[in-house]
Each structure stands twice: as C-alpha cells, then as structure tokens.
Amino acid sequence: MRKLLLSVLLLLSVAVSAQDIEGFVNRQTQIYPKSRLLDIYKSCFQDYMGAEHLISDRQSVKVYLDEELNTTNLDDLMPWYYEPCGIDSNYYRVSIRTIKEGIITEDQLLDAFIRSANGKSSESRHARLDDRVVTDEGEANSETRPSVESWSDRWHMIIGTIDQMKLDLPNFQEDKQFIDSVLSVGKYAISHSSDYRNAYHPHYRIVERNIFEKEIKPLIDRGRK
C-alpha cells in the first residue's frame, strides 16, 4: 500500500497543467523573444532538477565563476538580479550582476549555488515529491534530486502542450529531436541556444528556492534600497 501511495504521489509531482505550461511559455517568449525550444526546455529542467551537476570541488567552481566575473561587463547583462526558473519556481537564477554591483559577495552566491546543486537546503526541503526520488525500497530521499525518468515524463507533458500552442519558434523540430536524443540516453542537461546567448548573455547561478528566499533575496532587497 505504501509503495502504491508513493507511486501515485510521484505521478502527481510529474503532472503539470496545460494552463501553467502556457503561462510560463508565453512569459518566456515575451521576455526573451529570441528563445528557442532549447531555452524553454532548459528553464523547465532547471526548475525540476536544479543545477546540472553535483559539486564536489568548490575550488574549480570558484575558478570558473572568477573567470566569468572578470570577463563580463555589466552592460552585457540583463537588468534583473534574479528570476524564477520554469513553471513551479523551485529554483531561481541569480545573476552575477548581484556580485558585480556589490549586493552579495562571491562566496555567498557560490555557497548558495553549491548547496543547491548538492540538494542541501538551509533547512529540510519541503515534503513534496518533486523535490524527492523514490528508491527501490520505497523510501523518499530528500537529499537526492528527482530521477531523469520522472523529468522525462514531465517534459513529455510540457512538450505536448507546447505542440498544441503552434508557436513559431525557430528550429523547433530540430530542437525537439535533439532534446529527445538527450533524454533517450538518460541525460537531461543542455546549453542555452546560441540565439539566446548572443541576445541575452546569460550569466547566473541556480539557487534552490528555500535557500534563495531565506538567504539571497533579503540581501538583494536590502541592496536595492
């Protein structure tokens, strides 16, 4: 009975309404008219899966962030300090603008990013199945990201609605097939499209909602006053 209940809850966590999908896609294409399906997909998987990789080497991540900070001009960045990912806003993109303007420190963003990537919130994560995976024993592990299989199921619901929206996205079929090829080999992470990168110069780090709301957003709110 317990395994059956967990299976039902997992299915509910994967499900998403067509209205919510349409709302997100319309916002994405209005704010970022150069978006391709790849960019819609990326925001959705970041919302569901979090950062692309677990992080064991803080120094290498710091070196990469240092390089990004040293080679990026404020004028190149989008004007926002943060934006929610995808449909449910389980994660936020925090712009490196926050560091360059002295609103938060590099270490503060780096720490929030690493803990988010490794599934370690400042307190226990919400008891929602989209933040958990069910193991073979039927136990839910709040320290582990959702499975790629559950993400694939969710994406197929999302793309089903997007297909019905008849959007005039460039390279739509090509991007759709590429995403399917990634998922078919048990992977999920992809890069922003070149169109998106050239137009918007995305430079941000992904932070889990609980960490963002308790640790990062208050700093940004104070810095903007």
Protein backbone atom coordinates (compact mmCIF):
# COMPACT_ATOMS: atom_id res chain seq x y z
CA MET A 1 0.00 0.00 0.00
CA ARG A 2 2.83 2.38 0.88
CA LYS A 3 4.61 1.78 -2.42
CA LEU A 4 1.35 2.34 -4.28
CA LEU A 5 0.78 5.63 -2.44
CA LEU A 6 4.30 6.82 -3.20
CA SER A 7 3.84 5.91 -6.86
CA VAL A 8 0.63 7.93 -7.02
CA LEU A 9 2.31 10.91 -5.34
CA LEU A 10 5.23 10.69 -7.75
CA LEU A 11 2.86 10.77 -10.71
CA LEU A 12 1.14 13.83 -9.23
CA SER A 13 4.51 15.57 -8.82
CA VAL A 14 5.27 14.97 -12.50
CA ALA A 15 1.88 16.24 -13.66
CA VAL A 16 1.54 19.88 -14.66
CA SER A 17 -1.48 21.70 -16.04
CA ALA A 18 -1.69 22.96 -19.60
CA GLN A 19 -2.64 26.39 -18.29
CA ASP A 20 0.53 26.61 -16.19
CA ILE A 21 2.65 25.46 -19.13
CA GLU A 22 1.09 28.01 -21.48
CA GLY A 23 1.54 30.77 -18.92
CA PHE A 24 5.22 30.04 -18.49
CA VAL A 25 5.92 29.64 -22.22
CA ASN A 26 4.13 32.90 -23.03
CA ARG A 27 6.12 34.76 -20.37
CA GLN A 28 9.38 33.24 -21.60
CA THR A 29 8.79 34.21 -25.22
CA GLN A 30 7.63 37.72 -24.28
CA ILE A 31 10.63 38.46 -22.07
CA TYR A 32 13.07 36.61 -24.34
CA PRO A 33 11.72 36.76 -27.89
CA LYS A 34 14.92 35.16 -29.20
CA SER A 35 14.19 31.99 -27.22
CA ARG A 36 14.19 28.64 -28.91
CA LEU A 37 12.71 25.41 -27.61
CA LEU A 38 16.13 24.62 -26.13
CA ASP A 39 15.85 27.63 -23.83
CA ILE A 40 12.30 26.82 -22.75
CA TYR A 41 13.44 23.27 -22.03
CA LYS A 42 16.48 24.49 -20.05
CA SER A 43 14.41 26.69 -17.76
CA CYS A 44 11.97 23.84 -17.15
CA PHE A 45 14.63 21.25 -16.31
CA GLN A 46 16.40 23.74 -14.03
CA ASP A 47 13.10 24.24 -12.23
CA TYR A 48 12.59 20.49 -11.82
CA MET A 49 16.13 19.13 -11.49
CA GLY A 50 18.12 22.08 -10.18
CA ALA A 51 21.73 22.61 -11.22
CA GLU A 52 23.16 20.36 -13.92
CA HIS A 53 25.72 18.55 -11.75
CA LEU A 54 26.50 17.65 -8.17
CA ILE A 55 29.54 19.60 -6.98
CA SER A 56 32.44 18.07 -5.07
CA ASP A 57 35.22 20.53 -5.96
CA ARG A 58 34.47 24.04 -4.67
CA GLN A 59 37.73 25.48 -5.96
CA SER A 60 37.12 24.57 -9.60
CA VAL A 61 33.64 26.10 -9.42
CA LYS A 62 35.15 29.26 -7.90
CA VAL A 63 37.75 29.48 -10.65
CA TYR A 64 35.02 29.30 -13.30
CA LEU A 65 32.96 31.98 -11.53
CA ASP A 66 36.05 34.20 -11.15
CA GLU A 67 36.69 33.96 -14.88
CA GLU A 68 33.07 34.80 -15.67
CA LEU A 69 33.14 37.82 -13.37
CA ASN A 70 36.42 39.08 -14.86
CA THR A 71 35.33 38.76 -18.48
CA THR A 72 31.76 40.07 -18.24
CA ASN A 73 30.70 43.72 -18.37
CA LEU A 74 27.64 44.99 -16.54
CA ASP A 75 26.31 46.44 -19.78
CA ASP A 76 26.20 42.94 -21.25
CA LEU A 77 23.96 41.56 -18.50
CA MET A 78 20.19 41.53 -18.35
CA PRO A 79 18.89 44.20 -15.92
CA TRP A 80 17.39 41.74 -13.43
CA TYR A 81 19.07 40.40 -10.30
CA TYR A 82 17.10 37.16 -10.25
CA GLU A 83 14.30 35.34 -11.99
CA PRO A 84 12.39 32.13 -11.23
CA CYS A 85 13.03 29.02 -13.26
CA GLY A 86 10.34 27.25 -15.23
CA ILE A 87 6.77 26.56 -14.23
CA ASP A 88 6.91 25.97 -10.46
CA SER A 89 9.80 28.26 -9.44
CA ASN A 90 11.52 25.57 -7.37
CA TYR A 91 14.83 27.22 -8.25
CA TYR A 92 15.94 30.76 -9.08
CA ARG A 93 18.53 32.11 -11.45
CA VAL A 94 20.66 34.63 -9.57
CA SER A 95 22.58 36.94 -11.87
CA ILE A 96 26.27 37.59 -11.32
CA ARG A 97 25.19 41.25 -11.56
CA THR A 98 24.48 40.91 -7.83
CA ILE A 99 28.19 40.32 -7.24
CA LYS A 100 29.47 42.92 -9.68
CA GLU A 101 27.25 45.58 -8.06
CA GLY A 102 28.40 44.59 -4.56
CA ILE A 103 24.96 43.44 -3.41
CA ILE A 104 26.13 39.96 -2.38
CA THR A 105 29.61 38.52 -2.18
CA GLU A 106 31.05 35.91 -4.48
CA ASP A 107 31.31 33.49 -1.57
CA GLN A 108 27.65 33.98 -0.67
CA LEU A 109 26.45 33.12 -4.16
CA LEU A 110 28.97 30.31 -4.52
CA ASP A 111 27.90 28.73 -1.24
CA ALA A 112 24.19 29.01 -2.11
CA PHE A 113 24.81 27.53 -5.55
CA ILE A 114 26.85 24.58 -4.28
CA ARG A 115 24.39 23.68 -1.53
CA SER A 116 21.54 23.95 -4.03
CA ALA A 117 23.34 21.73 -6.53
CA ASN A 118 24.00 19.12 -3.86
CA GLY A 119 20.45 19.16 -2.52
CA LYS A 120 21.32 20.66 0.86
CA SER A 121 18.96 23.44 1.83
CA SER A 122 19.37 25.63 4.90
CA GLU A 123 16.60 23.57 6.43
CA SER A 124 14.83 20.36 5.41
CA ARG A 125 13.25 20.67 1.99
CA HIS A 126 9.51 20.82 1.58
CA ALA A 127 7.84 17.41 1.69
CA ARG A 128 6.95 17.50 -2.00
CA LEU A 129 7.66 14.62 -4.33
CA ASP A 130 9.10 16.93 -6.97
CA ASP A 131 11.96 17.51 -4.54
CA ARG A 132 12.43 13.78 -3.90
CA VAL A 133 13.05 10.44 -5.53
CA VAL A 134 11.61 7.10 -4.58
CA THR A 135 14.24 4.41 -4.06
CA ASP A 136 13.86 0.68 -4.64
CA GLU A 137 12.87 0.34 -1.00
CA GLY A 138 10.07 2.84 -1.48
CA GLU A 139 11.76 5.43 0.72
CA ALA A 140 11.90 9.08 -0.28
CA ASN A 141 15.32 10.70 -0.10
CA SER A 142 15.08 14.47 0.33
CA GLU A 143 18.82 14.86 -0.31
CA THR A 144 18.63 13.47 -3.85
CA ARG A 145 17.42 15.17 -7.00
CA PRO A 146 14.47 13.73 -8.93
CA SER A 147 15.18 10.93 -11.36
CA VAL A 148 15.84 11.62 -15.03
CA GLU A 149 12.95 9.27 -15.82
CA SER A 150 10.49 11.40 -13.85
CA TRP A 151 11.84 14.52 -15.56
CA SER A 152 11.41 12.88 -18.97
CA ASP A 153 7.78 12.11 -18.13
CA ARG A 154 7.20 15.70 -17.11
CA TRP A 155 8.87 17.07 -20.23
CA HIS A 156 6.64 14.96 -22.45
CA MET A 157 3.63 16.56 -20.77
CA ILE A 158 5.14 20.00 -21.32
CA ILE A 159 6.06 19.46 -24.96
CA GLY A 160 2.60 18.03 -25.62
CA THR A 161 1.10 21.37 -24.62
CA ILE A 162 3.74 23.36 -26.49
CA ASP A 163 2.96 21.41 -29.66
CA GLN A 164 -0.68 22.47 -29.35
CA MET A 165 0.29 26.12 -28.90
CA LYS A 166 1.58 26.24 -32.51
CA LEU A 167 4.43 28.57 -31.62
CA ASP A 168 6.59 29.94 -34.38
CA LEU A 169 9.86 29.04 -32.69
CA PRO A 170 12.96 28.84 -34.91
CA ASN A 171 14.41 25.36 -35.46
CA PHE A 172 11.54 23.89 -33.46
CA GLN A 173 11.58 20.35 -34.88
CA GLU A 174 15.37 20.19 -34.86
CA ASP A 175 15.48 21.27 -31.21
CA LYS A 176 12.69 18.87 -30.27
CA GLN A 177 14.56 15.94 -31.81
CA PHE A 178 17.79 16.96 -30.12
CA ILE A 179 16.09 17.06 -26.71
CA ASP A 180 14.57 13.63 -27.34
CA SER A 181 18.01 12.27 -28.22
CA VAL A 182 19.46 13.59 -24.95
CA LEU A 183 16.66 12.09 -22.86
CA SER A 184 16.86 8.77 -24.71
CA VAL A 185 20.37 8.15 -23.34
CA GLY A 186 19.42 9.01 -19.76
CA LYS A 187 20.74 12.58 -19.73
CA TYR A 188 18.88 15.86 -19.40
CA ALA A 189 21.21 18.87 -19.29
CA ILE A 190 21.71 21.07 -22.35
CA SER A 191 23.11 24.54 -23.05
CA HIS A 192 21.24 27.68 -23.97
CA SER A 193 20.81 28.15 -27.70
CA SER A 194 23.35 30.35 -29.49
CA ASP A 195 20.50 32.74 -30.37
CA TYR A 196 19.67 33.17 -26.68
CA ARG A 197 23.30 33.53 -25.60
CA ASN A 198 24.05 36.15 -28.24
CA ALA A 199 20.95 38.18 -27.42
CA TYR A 200 20.88 37.99 -23.61
CA HIS A 201 24.35 36.99 -22.36
CA PRO A 202 23.07 34.71 -19.56
CA HIS A 203 25.39 34.76 -16.55
CA TYR A 204 23.77 33.35 -13.45
CA ARG A 205 23.85 30.58 -10.87
CA ILE A 206 20.94 28.34 -9.89
CA VAL A 207 19.78 28.57 -6.27
CA GLU A 208 17.13 26.39 -4.62
CA ARG A 209 14.02 28.35 -3.63
CA ASN A 210 14.32 27.81 0.12
CA ILE A 211 17.94 28.99 0.17
CA PHE A 212 17.14 31.87 -2.18
CA GLU A 213 14.19 33.18 -0.15
CA LYS A 214 15.91 32.91 3.24
CA GLU A 215 19.48 33.87 2.38
CA ILE A 216 19.87 35.57 -1.00
CA LYS A 217 16.68 37.54 -1.60
CA PRO A 218 16.91 39.51 1.67
CA LEU A 219 20.41 40.64 0.70
CA ILE A 220 19.21 41.71 -2.73
CA ASP A 221 16.20 43.54 -1.27
CA ARG A 222 18.44 45.46 1.15
CA GLY A 223 20.96 46.23 -1.59
CA ARG A 224 18.30 47.73 -3.85
CA LYS A 225 17.05 50.24 -1.22
